[in-house]
PDB file of N, CA and C in Angstrom:
ATOM      1  N   MET A   1     -14.230 -48.693 -12.018  1.00  0.00           N
ATOM      2  CA  MET A   1     -13.601 -48.337 -13.263  1.00  0.00           C
ATOM      3  C   MET A   1     -12.109 -48.140 -13.063  1.00  0.00           C
ATOM      4  N   SER A   2     -11.366 -48.590 -13.966  1.00  0.00           N
ATOM      5  CA  SER A   2      -9.927 -48.381 -13.882  1.00  0.00           C
ATOM      6  C   SER A   2      -9.515 -47.358 -14.928  1.00  0.00           C
ATOM      7  N   GLU A   3      -8.557 -46.554 -14.549  1.00  0.00           N
ATOM      8  CA  GLU A   3      -8.078 -45.529 -15.456  1.00  0.00           C
ATOM      9  C   GLU A   3      -7.015 -46.131 -16.358  1.00  0.00           C
ATOM     10  N   GLU A   4      -7.207 -45.976 -17.653  1.00  0.00           N
ATOM     11  CA  GLU A   4      -6.232 -46.471 -18.602  1.00  0.00           C
ATOM     12  C   GLU A   4      -5.384 -45.314 -19.083  1.00  0.00           C
ATOM     13  N   LYS A   5      -4.083 -45.558 -19.212  1.00  0.00           N
ATOM     14  CA  LYS A   5      -3.187 -44.534 -19.714  1.00  0.00           C
ATOM     15  C   LYS A   5      -3.299 -44.509 -21.232  1.00  0.00           C
ATOM     16  N   GLN A   6      -3.520 -43.313 -21.748  1.00  0.00           N
ATOM     17  CA  GLN A   6      -3.590 -43.149 -23.193  1.00  0.00           C
ATOM     18  C   GLN A   6      -2.258 -42.614 -23.681  1.00  0.00           C
ATOM     19  N   PRO A   7      -1.779 -43.113 -24.780  1.00  0.00           N
ATOM     20  CA  PRO A   7      -0.491 -42.637 -25.280  1.00  0.00           C
ATOM     21  C   PRO A   7      -0.605 -41.181 -25.742  1.00  0.00           C
ATOM     22  N   GLY A   8       0.416 -40.394 -25.427  1.00  0.00           N
ATOM     23  CA  GLY A   8       0.465 -38.997 -25.850  1.00  0.00           C
ATOM     24  C   GLY A   8      -0.259 -38.030 -24.927  1.00  0.00           C
ATOM     25  N   VAL A   9      -0.992 -38.532 -23.921  1.00  0.00           N
ATOM     26  CA  VAL A   9      -1.706 -37.661 -22.984  1.00  0.00           C
ATOM     27  C   VAL A   9      -0.921 -37.657 -21.680  1.00  0.00           C
ATOM     28  N   PRO A  10      -0.436 -36.467 -21.278  1.00  0.00           N
ATOM     29  CA  PRO A  10       0.357 -36.425 -20.042  1.00  0.00           C
ATOM     30  C   PRO A  10      -0.519 -36.672 -18.815  1.00  0.00           C
ATOM     31  N   GLU A  11       0.098 -37.214 -17.796  1.00  0.00           N
ATOM     32  CA  GLU A  11      -0.628 -37.443 -16.549  1.00  0.00           C
ATOM     33  C   GLU A  11      -0.757 -36.123 -15.798  1.00  0.00           C
ATOM     34  N   PRO A  12      -1.824 -35.921 -15.028  1.00  0.00           N
ATOM     35  CA  PRO A  12      -1.959 -34.680 -14.256  1.00  0.00           C
ATOM     36  C   PRO A  12      -0.872 -34.606 -13.188  1.00  0.00           C
ATOM     37  N   PHE A  13      -0.505 -33.393 -12.825  1.00  0.00           N
ATOM     38  CA  PHE A  13       0.524 -33.191 -11.818  1.00  0.00           C
ATOM     39  C   PHE A  13      -0.007 -33.578 -10.446  1.00  0.00           C
ATOM     40  N   ARG A  14       0.757 -34.370  -9.745  1.00  0.00           N
ATOM     41  CA  ARG A  14       0.432 -34.729  -8.363  1.00  0.00           C
ATOM     42  C   ARG A  14       1.713 -34.591  -7.564  1.00  0.00           C
ATOM     43  N   PRO A  15       1.713 -33.694  -6.546  1.00  0.00           N
ATOM     44  CA  PRO A  15       2.919 -33.578  -5.711  1.00  0.00           C
ATOM     45  C   PRO A  15       3.269 -34.920  -5.090  1.00  0.00           C
ATOM     46  N   GLU A  16       4.542 -35.115  -4.861  1.00  0.00           N
ATOM     47  CA  GLU A  16       5.010 -36.383  -4.309  1.00  0.00           C
ATOM     48  C   GLU A  16       4.389 -36.650  -2.944  1.00  0.00           C
ATOM     49  N   GLY A  17       3.920 -37.842  -2.748  1.00  0.00           N
ATOM     50  CA  GLY A  17       3.368 -38.240  -1.464  1.00  0.00           C
ATOM     51  C   GLY A  17       1.914 -37.856  -1.276  1.00  0.00           C
ATOM     52  N   THR A  18       1.197 -37.569  -2.364  1.00  0.00           N
ATOM     53  CA  THR A  18      -0.228 -37.250  -2.239  1.00  0.00           C
ATOM     54  C   THR A  18      -1.032 -38.209  -3.093  1.00  0.00           C
ATOM     55  N   GLY A  19      -2.322 -38.217  -2.873  1.00  0.00           N
ATOM     56  CA  GLY A  19      -3.216 -39.075  -3.656  1.00  0.00           C
ATOM     57  C   GLY A  19      -3.010 -40.530  -3.309  1.00  0.00           C
ATOM     58  N   PRO A  20      -3.265 -41.407  -4.292  1.00  0.00           N
ATOM     59  CA  PRO A  20      -3.138 -42.847  -4.017  1.00  0.00           C
ATOM     60  C   PRO A  20      -1.706 -43.267  -3.684  1.00  0.00           C
ATOM     61  N   ALA A  21      -0.725 -42.465  -4.129  1.00  0.00           N
ATOM     62  CA  ALA A  21       0.664 -42.828  -3.865  1.00  0.00           C
ATOM     63  C   ALA A  21       1.146 -42.368  -2.488  1.00  0.00           C
ATOM     64  N   GLN A  22       0.249 -41.744  -1.721  1.00  0.00           N
ATOM     65  CA  GLN A  22       0.625 -41.237  -0.396  1.00  0.00           C
ATOM     66  C   GLN A  22       0.954 -42.394   0.535  1.00  0.00           C
ATOM     67  N   PRO A  23       2.061 -42.248   1.285  1.00  0.00           N
ATOM     68  CA  PRO A  23       2.412 -43.319   2.225  1.00  0.00           C
ATOM     69  C   PRO A  23       1.333 -43.481   3.302  1.00  0.00           C
ATOM     70  N   ALA A  24       1.115 -44.690   3.715  1.00  0.00           N
ATOM     71  CA  ALA A  24       0.096 -44.964   4.729  1.00  0.00           C
ATOM     72  C   ALA A  24       0.482 -44.305   6.044  1.00  0.00           C
ATOM     73  N   GLY A  25      -0.476 -43.627   6.686  1.00  0.00           N
ATOM     74  CA  GLY A  25      -0.258 -43.032   7.988  1.00  0.00           C
ATOM     75  C   GLY A  25       0.342 -41.639   7.942  1.00  0.00           C
ATOM     76  N   ALA A  26       0.693 -41.129   6.781  1.00  0.00           N
ATOM     77  CA  ALA A  26       1.266 -39.790   6.685  1.00  0.00           C
ATOM     78  C   ALA A  26       0.145 -38.776   6.447  1.00  0.00           C
ATOM     79  N   PRO A  27       0.122 -37.674   7.223  1.00  0.00           N
ATOM     80  CA  PRO A  27      -0.925 -36.676   6.996  1.00  0.00           C
ATOM     81  C   PRO A  27      -0.689 -35.949   5.668  1.00  0.00           C
ATOM     82  N   ALA A  28      -1.768 -35.500   5.023  1.00  0.00           N
ATOM     83  CA  ALA A  28      -1.663 -34.808   3.740  1.00  0.00           C
ATOM     84  C   ALA A  28      -0.930 -33.477   3.899  1.00  0.00           C
ATOM     85  N   ASN A  29      -1.120 -32.832   5.024  1.00  0.00           N
ATOM     86  CA  ASN A  29      -0.465 -31.552   5.276  1.00  0.00           C
ATOM     87  C   ASN A  29       0.173 -31.654   6.656  1.00  0.00           C
ATOM     88  N   ARG A  30       1.484 -31.568   6.692  1.00  0.00           N
ATOM     89  CA  ARG A  30       2.154 -31.775   7.979  1.00  0.00           C
ATOM     90  C   ARG A  30       1.899 -30.664   8.973  1.00  0.00           C
ATOM     91  N   TRP A  31       1.410 -29.500   8.520  1.00  0.00           N
ATOM     92  CA  TRP A  31       1.126 -28.395   9.433  1.00  0.00           C
ATOM     93  C   TRP A  31      -0.319 -28.425   9.928  1.00  0.00           C
ATOM     94  N   ALA A  32      -1.158 -29.172   9.269  1.00  0.00           N
ATOM     95  CA  ALA A  32      -2.559 -29.265   9.683  1.00  0.00           C
ATOM     96  C   ALA A  32      -2.689 -30.339  10.760  1.00  0.00           C
ATOM     97  N   PRO A  33      -3.639 -30.145  11.677  1.00  0.00           N
ATOM     98  CA  PRO A  33      -3.836 -31.202  12.675  1.00  0.00           C
ATOM     99  C   PRO A  33      -4.369 -32.465  11.996  1.00  0.00           C
ATOM    100  N   ALA A  34      -4.123 -33.579  12.620  1.00  0.00           N
ATOM    101  CA  ALA A  34      -4.575 -34.848  12.065  1.00  0.00           C
ATOM    102  C   ALA A  34      -6.090 -34.858  11.939  1.00  0.00           C
ATOM    103  N   GLU A  35      -6.567 -35.619  10.971  1.00  0.00           N
ATOM    104  CA  GLU A  35      -8.009 -35.701  10.754  1.00  0.00           C
ATOM    105  C   GLU A  35      -8.680 -36.284  11.998  1.00  0.00           C
ATOM    106  N   GLY A  36      -9.779 -35.645  12.385  1.00  0.00           N
ATOM    107  CA  GLY A  36     -10.501 -36.098  13.571  1.00  0.00           C
ATOM    108  C   GLY A  36     -10.107 -35.346  14.831  1.00  0.00           C
ATOM    109  N   THR A  37      -9.096 -34.473  14.765  1.00  0.00           N
ATOM    110  CA  THR A  37      -8.693 -33.672  15.920  1.00  0.00           C
ATOM    111  C   THR A  37      -9.785 -32.643  16.194  1.00  0.00           C
ATOM    112  N   PRO A  38     -10.246 -32.527  17.447  1.00  0.00           N
ATOM    113  CA  PRO A  38     -11.307 -31.554  17.733  1.00  0.00           C
ATOM    114  C   PRO A  38     -10.796 -30.119  17.577  1.00  0.00           C
ATOM    115  N   ALA A  39     -11.706 -29.219  17.191  1.00  0.00           N
ATOM    116  CA  ALA A  39     -11.367 -27.804  17.037  1.00  0.00           C
ATOM    117  C   ALA A  39     -11.093 -27.206  18.408  1.00  0.00           C
ATOM    118  N   PRO A  40     -10.296 -26.133  18.472  1.00  0.00           N
ATOM    119  CA  PRO A  40     -10.053 -25.502  19.773  1.00  0.00           C
ATOM    120  C   PRO A  40     -11.354 -24.944  20.344  1.00  0.00           C
ATOM    121  N   PRO A  41     -11.452 -24.840  21.660  1.00  0.00           N
ATOM    122  CA  PRO A  41     -12.683 -24.337  22.259  1.00  0.00           C
ATOM    123  C   PRO A  41     -12.966 -22.899  21.813  1.00  0.00           C
ATOM    124  N   ALA A  42     -14.248 -22.557  21.737  1.00  0.00           N
ATOM    125  CA  ALA A  42     -14.657 -21.225  21.296  1.00  0.00           C
ATOM    126  C   ALA A  42     -14.013 -20.149  22.161  1.00  0.00           C
ATOM    127  N   GLY A  43     -13.504 -19.125  21.514  1.00  0.00           N
ATOM    128  CA  GLY A  43     -12.888 -18.013  22.230  1.00  0.00           C
ATOM    129  C   GLY A  43     -11.394 -18.147  22.411  1.00  0.00           C
ATOM    130  N   SER A  44     -10.841 -19.345  22.176  1.00  0.00           N
ATOM    131  CA  SER A  44      -9.398 -19.514  22.332  1.00  0.00           C
ATOM    132  C   SER A  44      -8.706 -19.140  21.016  1.00  0.00           C
ATOM    133  N   PRO A  45      -7.421 -18.842  21.060  1.00  0.00           N
ATOM    134  CA  PRO A  45      -6.717 -18.507  19.819  1.00  0.00           C
ATOM    135  C   PRO A  45      -6.821 -19.638  18.807  1.00  0.00           C
ATOM    136  N   GLY A  46      -7.103 -19.293  17.575  1.00  0.00           N
ATOM    137  CA  GLY A  46      -7.223 -20.287  16.517  1.00  0.00           C
ATOM    138  C   GLY A  46      -8.614 -20.844  16.357  1.00  0.00           C
ATOM    139  N   SER A  47      -9.534 -20.440  17.199  1.00  0.00           N
ATOM    140  CA  SER A  47     -10.893 -20.948  17.097  1.00  0.00           C
ATOM    141  C   SER A  47     -11.653 -20.187  16.006  1.00  0.00           C
ATOM    142  N   PRO A  48     -12.291 -20.904  15.088  1.00  0.00           N
ATOM    143  CA  PRO A  48     -13.058 -20.230  14.044  1.00  0.00           C
ATOM    144  C   PRO A  48     -14.478 -19.896  14.492  1.00  0.00           C
ATOM    145  N   HIS A  49     -14.827 -20.208  15.720  1.00  0.00           N
ATOM    146  CA  HIS A  49     -16.212 -20.096  16.155  1.00  0.00           C
ATOM    147  C   HIS A  49     -16.592 -18.756  16.758  1.00  0.00           C
ATOM    148  N   GLN A  50     -15.654 -17.975  17.179  1.00  0.00           N
ATOM    149  CA  GLN A  50     -16.001 -16.728  17.845  1.00  0.00           C
ATOM    150  C   GLN A  50     -14.930 -15.679  17.528  1.00  0.00           C
ATOM    151  N   PRO A  51     -15.355 -14.460  17.133  1.00  0.00           N
ATOM    152  CA  PRO A  51     -14.356 -13.421  16.856  1.00  0.00           C
ATOM    153  C   PRO A  51     -13.676 -12.991  18.155  1.00  0.00           C
ATOM    154  N   PRO A  52     -12.472 -12.464  18.039  1.00  0.00           N
ATOM    155  CA  PRO A  52     -11.792 -12.013  19.250  1.00  0.00           C
ATOM    156  C   PRO A  52     -12.532 -10.836  19.874  1.00  0.00           C
ATOM    157  N   PRO A  53     -12.417 -10.668  21.170  1.00  0.00           N
ATOM    158  CA  PRO A  53     -13.118  -9.565  21.819  1.00  0.00           C
ATOM    159  C   PRO A  53     -12.566  -8.226  21.335  1.00  0.00           C
ATOM    160  N   PRO A  54     -13.412  -7.205  21.206  1.00  0.00           N
ATOM    161  CA  PRO A  54     -12.912  -5.905  20.735  1.00  0.00           C
ATOM    162  C   PRO A  54     -11.952  -5.293  21.748  1.00  0.00           C
ATOM    163  N   LYS A  55     -10.946  -4.582  21.217  1.00  0.00           N
ATOM    164  CA  LYS A  55      -9.957  -3.967  22.091  1.00  0.00           C
ATOM    165  C   LYS A  55     -10.411  -2.591  22.546  1.00  0.00           C
ATOM    166  N   ARG A  56     -11.339  -1.979  21.796  1.00  0.00           N
ATOM    167  CA  ARG A  56     -11.867  -0.659  22.160  1.00  0.00           C
ATOM    168  C   ARG A  56     -13.386  -0.723  22.137  1.00  0.00           C
ATOM    169  N   THR A  57     -13.986   0.069  22.959  1.00  0.00           N
ATOM    170  CA  THR A  57     -15.447   0.112  22.971  1.00  0.00           C
ATOM    171  C   THR A  57     -15.917   0.996  21.828  1.00  0.00           C
ATOM    172  N   SER A  58     -17.204   0.891  21.493  1.00  0.00           N
ATOM    173  CA  SER A  58     -17.741   1.703  20.403  1.00  0.00           C
ATOM    174  C   SER A  58     -17.680   3.194  20.761  1.00  0.00           C
ATOM    175  N   ALA A  59     -17.811   3.530  22.043  1.00  0.00           N
ATOM    176  CA  ALA A  59     -17.719   4.942  22.458  1.00  0.00           C
ATOM    177  C   ALA A  59     -16.299   5.470  22.220  1.00  0.00           C
ATOM    178  N   GLN A  60     -15.290   4.648  22.485  1.00  0.00           N
ATOM    179  CA  GLN A  60     -13.908   5.060  22.239  1.00  0.00           C
ATOM    180  C   GLN A  60     -13.657   5.249  20.746  1.00  0.00           C
ATOM    181  N   ILE A  61     -14.198   4.356  19.942  1.00  0.00           N
ATOM    182  CA  ILE A  61     -14.025   4.465  18.491  1.00  0.00           C
ATOM    183  C   ILE A  61     -14.698   5.731  17.977  1.00  0.00           C
ATOM    184  N   ARG A  62     -15.907   6.023  18.450  1.00  0.00           N
ATOM    185  CA  ARG A  62     -16.616   7.243  18.034  1.00  0.00           C
ATOM    186  C   ARG A  62     -15.841   8.496  18.445  1.00  0.00           C
ATOM    187  N   ALA A  63     -15.303   8.488  19.670  1.00  0.00           N
ATOM    188  CA  ALA A  63     -14.530   9.636  20.141  1.00  0.00           C
ATOM    189  C   ALA A  63     -13.283   9.838  19.272  1.00  0.00           C
ATOM    190  N   ASP A  64     -12.608   8.745  18.910  1.00  0.00           N
ATOM    191  CA  ASP A  64     -11.443   8.840  18.025  1.00  0.00           C
ATOM    192  C   ASP A  64     -11.833   9.380  16.650  1.00  0.00           C
ATOM    193  N   MET A  65     -12.954   8.933  16.131  1.00  0.00           N
ATOM    194  CA  MET A  65     -13.413   9.414  14.827  1.00  0.00           C
ATOM    195  C   MET A  65     -13.729  10.907  14.874  1.00  0.00           C
ATOM    196  N   ASP A  66     -14.380  11.352  15.936  1.00  0.00           N
ATOM    197  CA  ASP A  66     -14.689  12.779  16.070  1.00  0.00           C
ATOM    198  C   ASP A  66     -13.414  13.614  16.166  1.00  0.00           C
ATOM    199  N   ARG A  67     -12.442  13.130  16.937  1.00  0.00           N
ATOM    200  CA  ARG A  67     -11.181  13.842  17.083  1.00  0.00           C
ATOM    201  C   ARG A  67     -10.451  13.919  15.748  1.00  0.00           C
ATOM    202  N   GLN A  68     -10.408  12.809  15.012  1.00  0.00           N
ATOM    203  CA  GLN A  68      -9.731  12.797  13.718  1.00  0.00           C
ATOM    204  C   GLN A  68     -10.458  13.677  12.703  1.00  0.00           C
ATOM    205  N   ARG A  69     -11.770  13.707  12.751  1.00  0.00           N
ATOM    206  CA  ARG A  69     -12.543  14.572  11.858  1.00  0.00           C
ATOM    207  C   ARG A  69     -12.221  16.037  12.140  1.00  0.00           C
ATOM    208  N   HIS A  70     -12.095  16.387  13.416  1.00  0.00           N
ATOM    209  CA  HIS A  70     -11.765  17.751  13.811  1.00  0.00           C
ATOM    210  C   HIS A  70     -10.355  18.121  13.325  1.00  0.00           C
ATOM    211  N   GLU A  71      -9.388  17.208  13.539  1.00  0.00           N
ATOM    212  CA  GLU A  71      -8.011  17.441  13.095  1.00  0.00           C
ATOM    213  C   GLU A  71      -7.939  17.555  11.581  1.00  0.00           C
ATOM    214  N   LEU A  72      -8.714  16.752  10.881  1.00  0.00           N
ATOM    215  CA  LEU A  72      -8.720  16.790   9.427  1.00  0.00           C
ATOM    216  C   LEU A  72      -9.224  18.136   8.920  1.00  0.00           C
ATOM    217  N   GLY A  73     -10.250  18.693   9.584  1.00  0.00           N
ATOM    218  CA  GLY A  73     -10.754  20.010   9.210  1.00  0.00           C
ATOM    219  C   GLY A  73      -9.683  21.080   9.342  1.00  0.00           C
ATOM    220  N   HIS A  74      -8.923  21.035  10.436  1.00  0.00           N
ATOM    221  CA  HIS A  74      -7.833  22.005  10.634  1.00  0.00           C
ATOM    222  C   HIS A  74      -6.747  21.818   9.573  1.00  0.00           C
ATOM    223  N   SER A  75      -6.428  20.557   9.262  1.00  0.00           N
ATOM    224  CA  SER A  75      -5.389  20.283   8.267  1.00  0.00           C
ATOM    225  C   SER A  75      -5.793  20.796   6.888  1.00  0.00           C
ATOM    226  N   VAL A  76      -7.049  20.615   6.525  1.00  0.00           N
ATOM    227  CA  VAL A  76      -7.524  21.081   5.224  1.00  0.00           C
ATOM    228  C   VAL A  76      -7.479  22.603   5.162  1.00  0.00           C
ATOM    229  N   ASP A  77      -7.901  23.269   6.238  1.00  0.00           N
ATOM    230  CA  ASP A  77      -7.848  24.737   6.264  1.00  0.00           C
ATOM    231  C   ASP A  77      -6.411  25.235   6.125  1.00  0.00           C
ATOM    232  N   HIS A  78      -5.493  24.612   6.857  1.00  0.00           N
ATOM    233  CA  HIS A  78      -4.079  25.003   6.785  1.00  0.00           C
ATOM    234  C   HIS A  78      -3.534  24.784   5.369  1.00  0.00           C
ATOM    235  N   LEU A  79      -3.878  23.653   4.766  1.00  0.00           N
ATOM    236  CA  LEU A  79      -3.423  23.350   3.418  1.00  0.00           C
ATOM    237  C   LEU A  79      -3.973  24.363   2.410  1.00  0.00           C
ATOM    238  N   ARG A  80      -5.229  24.718   2.552  1.00  0.00           N
ATOM    239  CA  ARG A  80      -5.837  25.709   1.654  1.00  0.00           C
ATOM    240  C   ARG A  80      -5.103  27.049   1.747  1.00  0.00           C
ATOM    241  N   GLU A  81      -4.801  27.488   2.985  1.00  0.00           N
ATOM    242  CA  GLU A  81      -4.061  28.740   3.170  1.00  0.00           C
ATOM    243  C   GLU A  81      -2.679  28.657   2.528  1.00  0.00           C
ATOM    244  N   ARG A  82      -2.006  27.536   2.711  1.00  0.00           N
ATOM    245  CA  ARG A  82      -0.645  27.372   2.170  1.00  0.00           C
ATOM    246  C   ARG A  82      -0.656  27.379   0.642  1.00  0.00           C
ATOM    247  N   VAL A  83      -1.627  26.703   0.036  1.00  0.00           N
ATOM    248  CA  VAL A  83      -1.717  26.668  -1.431  1.00  0.00           C
ATOM    249  C   VAL A  83      -1.980  28.067  -1.968  1.00  0.00           C
ATOM    250  N   THR A  84      -2.872  28.809  -1.314  1.00  0.00           N
ATOM    251  CA  THR A  84      -3.165  30.176  -1.746  1.00  0.00           C
ATOM    252  C   THR A  84      -1.910  31.039  -1.657  1.00  0.00           C
ATOM    253  N   GLU A  85      -1.148  30.872  -0.591  1.00  0.00           N
ATOM    254  CA  GLU A  85       0.073  31.657  -0.400  1.00  0.00           C
ATOM    255  C   GLU A  85       1.117  31.325  -1.467  1.00  0.00           C
ATOM    256  N   ILE A  86       1.302  30.063  -1.759  1.00  0.00           N
ATOM    257  CA  ILE A  86       2.334  29.641  -2.704  1.00  0.00           C
ATOM    258  C   ILE A  86       1.968  30.027  -4.135  1.00  0.00           C
ATOM    259  N   THR A  87       0.692  29.953  -4.490  1.00  0.00           N
ATOM    260  CA  THR A  87       0.296  30.235  -5.872  1.00  0.00           C
ATOM    261  C   THR A  87       0.074  31.721  -6.143  1.00  0.00           C
ATOM    262  N   ASP A  88       0.234  32.587  -5.156  1.00  0.00           N
ATOM    263  CA  ASP A  88       0.094  34.031  -5.364  1.00  0.00           C
ATOM    264  C   ASP A  88       1.414  34.553  -5.933  1.00  0.00           C
ATOM    265  N   TRP A  89       1.468  34.754  -7.267  1.00  0.00           N
ATOM    266  CA  TRP A  89       2.720  35.101  -7.925  1.00  0.00           C
ATOM    267  C   TRP A  89       3.221  36.496  -7.555  1.00  0.00           C
ATOM    268  N   ARG A  90       2.319  37.395  -7.225  1.00  0.00           N
ATOM    269  CA  ARG A  90       2.763  38.746  -6.848  1.00  0.00           C
ATOM    270  C   ARG A  90       3.552  38.721  -5.534  1.00  0.00           C
ATOM    271  N   SER A  91       3.060  37.979  -4.574  1.00  0.00           N
ATOM    272  CA  SER A  91       3.786  37.902  -3.298  1.00  0.00           C
ATOM    273  C   SER A  91       5.104  37.139  -3.473  1.00  0.00           C
ATOM    274  N   GLN A  92       5.122  36.156  -4.383  1.00  0.00           N
ATOM    275  CA  GLN A  92       6.360  35.419  -4.639  1.00  0.00           C
ATOM    276  C   GLN A  92       7.413  36.334  -5.247  1.00  0.00           C
ATOM    277  N   ILE A  93       6.982  37.242  -6.139  1.00  0.00           N
ATOM    278  CA  ILE A  93       7.929  38.204  -6.731  1.00  0.00           C
ATOM    279  C   ILE A  93       8.476  39.135  -5.658  1.00  0.00           C
ATOM    280  N   LYS A  94       7.616  39.600  -4.756  1.00  0.00           N
ATOM    281  CA  LYS A  94       8.083  40.484  -3.677  1.00  0.00           C
ATOM    282  C   LYS A  94       9.079  39.772  -2.770  1.00  0.00           C
ATOM    283  N   LYS A  95       8.815  38.501  -2.449  1.00  0.00           N
ATOM    284  CA  LYS A  95       9.688  37.751  -1.542  1.00  0.00           C
ATOM    285  C   LYS A  95      11.038  37.429  -2.189  1.00  0.00           C
ATOM    286  N   HIS A  96      11.038  37.163  -3.482  1.00  0.00           N
ATOM    287  CA  HIS A  96      12.244  36.661  -4.138  1.00  0.00           C
ATOM    288  C   HIS A  96      12.750  37.621  -5.221  1.00  0.00           C
ATOM    289  N   ARG A  97      12.594  38.900  -4.989  1.00  0.00           N
ATOM    290  CA  ARG A  97      12.962  39.905  -5.991  1.00  0.00           C
ATOM    291  C   ARG A  97      14.442  39.787  -6.398  1.00  0.00           C
ATOM    292  N   ARG A  98      15.340  39.685  -5.433  1.00  0.00           N
ATOM    293  CA  ARG A  98      16.769  39.639  -5.736  1.00  0.00           C
ATOM    294  C   ARG A  98      17.111  38.418  -6.605  1.00  0.00           C
ATOM    295  N   SER A  99      16.596  37.240  -6.276  1.00  0.00           N
ATOM    296  CA  SER A  99      16.872  36.027  -7.050  1.00  0.00           C
ATOM    297  C   SER A  99      16.340  36.154  -8.468  1.00  0.00           C
ATOM    298  N   ILE A 100      15.175  36.762  -8.610  1.00  0.00           N
ATOM    299  CA  ILE A 100      14.590  36.926  -9.942  1.00  0.00           C
ATOM    300  C   ILE A 100      15.442  37.859 -10.790  1.00  0.00           C
ATOM    301  N   VAL A 101      15.914  38.950 -10.209  1.00  0.00           N
ATOM    302  CA  VAL A 101      16.754  39.888 -10.951  1.00  0.00           C
ATOM    303  C   VAL A 101      18.062  39.212 -11.364  1.00  0.00           C
ATOM    304  N   VAL A 102      18.699  38.471 -10.452  1.00  0.00           N
ATOM    305  CA  VAL A 102      19.944  37.774 -10.767  1.00  0.00           C
ATOM    306  C   VAL A 102      19.698  36.761 -11.887  1.00  0.00           C
ATOM    307  N   GLY A 103      18.604  36.023 -11.814  1.00  0.00           N
ATOM    308  CA  GLY A 103      18.276  35.048 -12.857  1.00  0.00           C
ATOM    309  C   GLY A 103      18.035  35.710 -14.200  1.00  0.00           C
ATOM    310  N   ALA A 104      17.343  36.848 -14.193  1.00  0.00           N
ATOM    311  CA  ALA A 104      17.076  37.563 -15.444  1.00  0.00           C
ATOM    312  C   ALA A 104      18.379  38.072 -16.062  1.00  0.00           C
ATOM    313  N   VAL A 105      19.284  38.615 -15.241  1.00  0.00           N
ATOM    314  CA  VAL A 105      20.566  39.103 -15.753  1.00  0.00           C
ATOM    315  C   VAL A 105      21.375  37.950 -16.336  1.00  0.00           C
ATOM    316  N   ALA A 106      21.437  36.829 -15.630  1.00  0.00           N
ATOM    317  CA  ALA A 106      22.182  35.663 -16.115  1.00  0.00           C
ATOM    318  C   ALA A 106      21.588  35.163 -17.424  1.00  0.00           C
ATOM    319  N   THR A 107      20.280  35.104 -17.500  1.00  0.00           N
ATOM    320  CA  THR A 107      19.620  34.661 -18.729  1.00  0.00           C
ATOM    321  C   THR A 107      19.953  35.622 -19.871  1.00  0.00           C
ATOM    322  N   GLY A 108      19.947  36.919 -19.603  1.00  0.00           N
ATOM    323  CA  GLY A 108      20.296  37.905 -20.624  1.00  0.00           C
ATOM    324  C   GLY A 108      21.706  37.722 -21.147  1.00  0.00           C
ATOM    325  N   PHE A 109      22.653  37.469 -20.242  1.00  0.00           N
ATOM    326  CA  PHE A 109      24.027  37.246 -20.677  1.00  0.00           C
ATOM    327  C   PHE A 109      24.140  35.984 -21.540  1.00  0.00           C
ATOM    328  N   VAL A 110      23.474  34.907 -21.134  1.00  0.00           N
ATOM    329  CA  VAL A 110      23.541  33.651 -21.886  1.00  0.00           C
ATOM    330  C   VAL A 110      22.933  33.840 -23.272  1.00  0.00           C
ATOM    331  N   VAL A 111      21.754  34.438 -23.347  1.00  0.00           N
ATOM    332  CA  VAL A 111      21.097  34.642 -24.635  1.00  0.00           C
ATOM    333  C   VAL A 111      21.932  35.578 -25.501  1.00  0.00           C
ATOM    334  N   GLY A 112      22.417  36.653 -24.905  1.00  0.00           N
ATOM    335  CA  GLY A 112      23.275  37.581 -25.658  1.00  0.00           C
ATOM    336  C   GLY A 112      24.529  36.911 -26.179  1.00  0.00           C
ATOM    337  N   GLY A 113      25.166  36.096 -25.357  1.00  0.00           N
ATOM    338  CA  GLY A 113      26.375  35.372 -25.779  1.00  0.00           C
ATOM    339  C   GLY A 113      26.083  34.407 -26.912  1.00  0.00           C
ATOM    340  N   LEU A 114      24.961  33.686 -26.826  1.00  0.00           N
ATOM    341  CA  LEU A 114      24.595  32.758 -27.894  1.00  0.00           C
ATOM    342  C   LEU A 114      24.325  33.497 -29.197  1.00  0.00           C
ATOM    343  N   MET A 115      23.660  34.644 -29.106  1.00  0.00           N
ATOM    344  CA  MET A 115      23.379  35.428 -30.312  1.00  0.00           C
ATOM    345  C   MET A 115      24.684  35.942 -30.930  1.00  0.00           C
ATOM    346  N   ALA A 116      25.630  36.364 -30.090  1.00  0.00           N
ATOM    347  CA  ALA A 116      26.910  36.855 -30.592  1.00  0.00           C
ATOM    348  C   ALA A 116      27.686  35.732 -31.272  1.00  0.00           C
ATOM    349  N   LEU A 117      27.651  34.549 -30.706  1.00  0.00           N
ATOM    350  CA  LEU A 117      28.352  33.398 -31.333  1.00  0.00           C
ATOM    351  C   LEU A 117      27.702  33.000 -32.650  1.00  0.00           C
ATOM    352  N   ARG A 118      26.435  33.170 -32.749  1.00  0.00           N
ATOM    353  CA  ARG A 118      25.701  32.780 -33.943  1.00  0.00           C
ATOM    354  C   ARG A 118      26.019  33.701 -35.113  1.00  0.00           C
ATOM    355  N   ARG A 119      26.300  34.952 -34.835  1.00  0.00           N
ATOM    356  CA  ARG A 119      26.560  35.938 -35.891  1.00  0.00           C
ATOM    357  C   ARG A 119      27.927  35.730 -36.538  1.00  0.00           C
ATOM    358  N   ARG A 120      28.816  35.040 -35.902  1.00  0.00           N
ATOM    359  CA  ARG A 120      30.172  34.867 -36.426  1.00  0.00           C
ATOM    360  C   ARG A 120      30.193  34.005 -37.636  1.00  0.00           C
TER     361      ARG A 120
END
């Protein structure tokens, strides 16, 4: 069967040098090995036949997981203590009493000044 061009129907996109218009002897993908090239031997880099050997044993991985689980427990406990300390407003008032008093006085002056300006 031959393909006939129909008027008003665009041709499908074909990158230059592919399909029937491809030059003879040119590979379709210049980075791919030529067709018929044997695959690399199993176990060598680039071989799809065998996964790379593990870098750590399963015992090492388990030991790392146990250590990280232990560290995570300590981190969570520390975080819980810190959150409790920060959210305790009474202790925050005791620690920052001077700053709170200075802020309250400044706020009083600003509000008082605004009220005085408003009355004029």
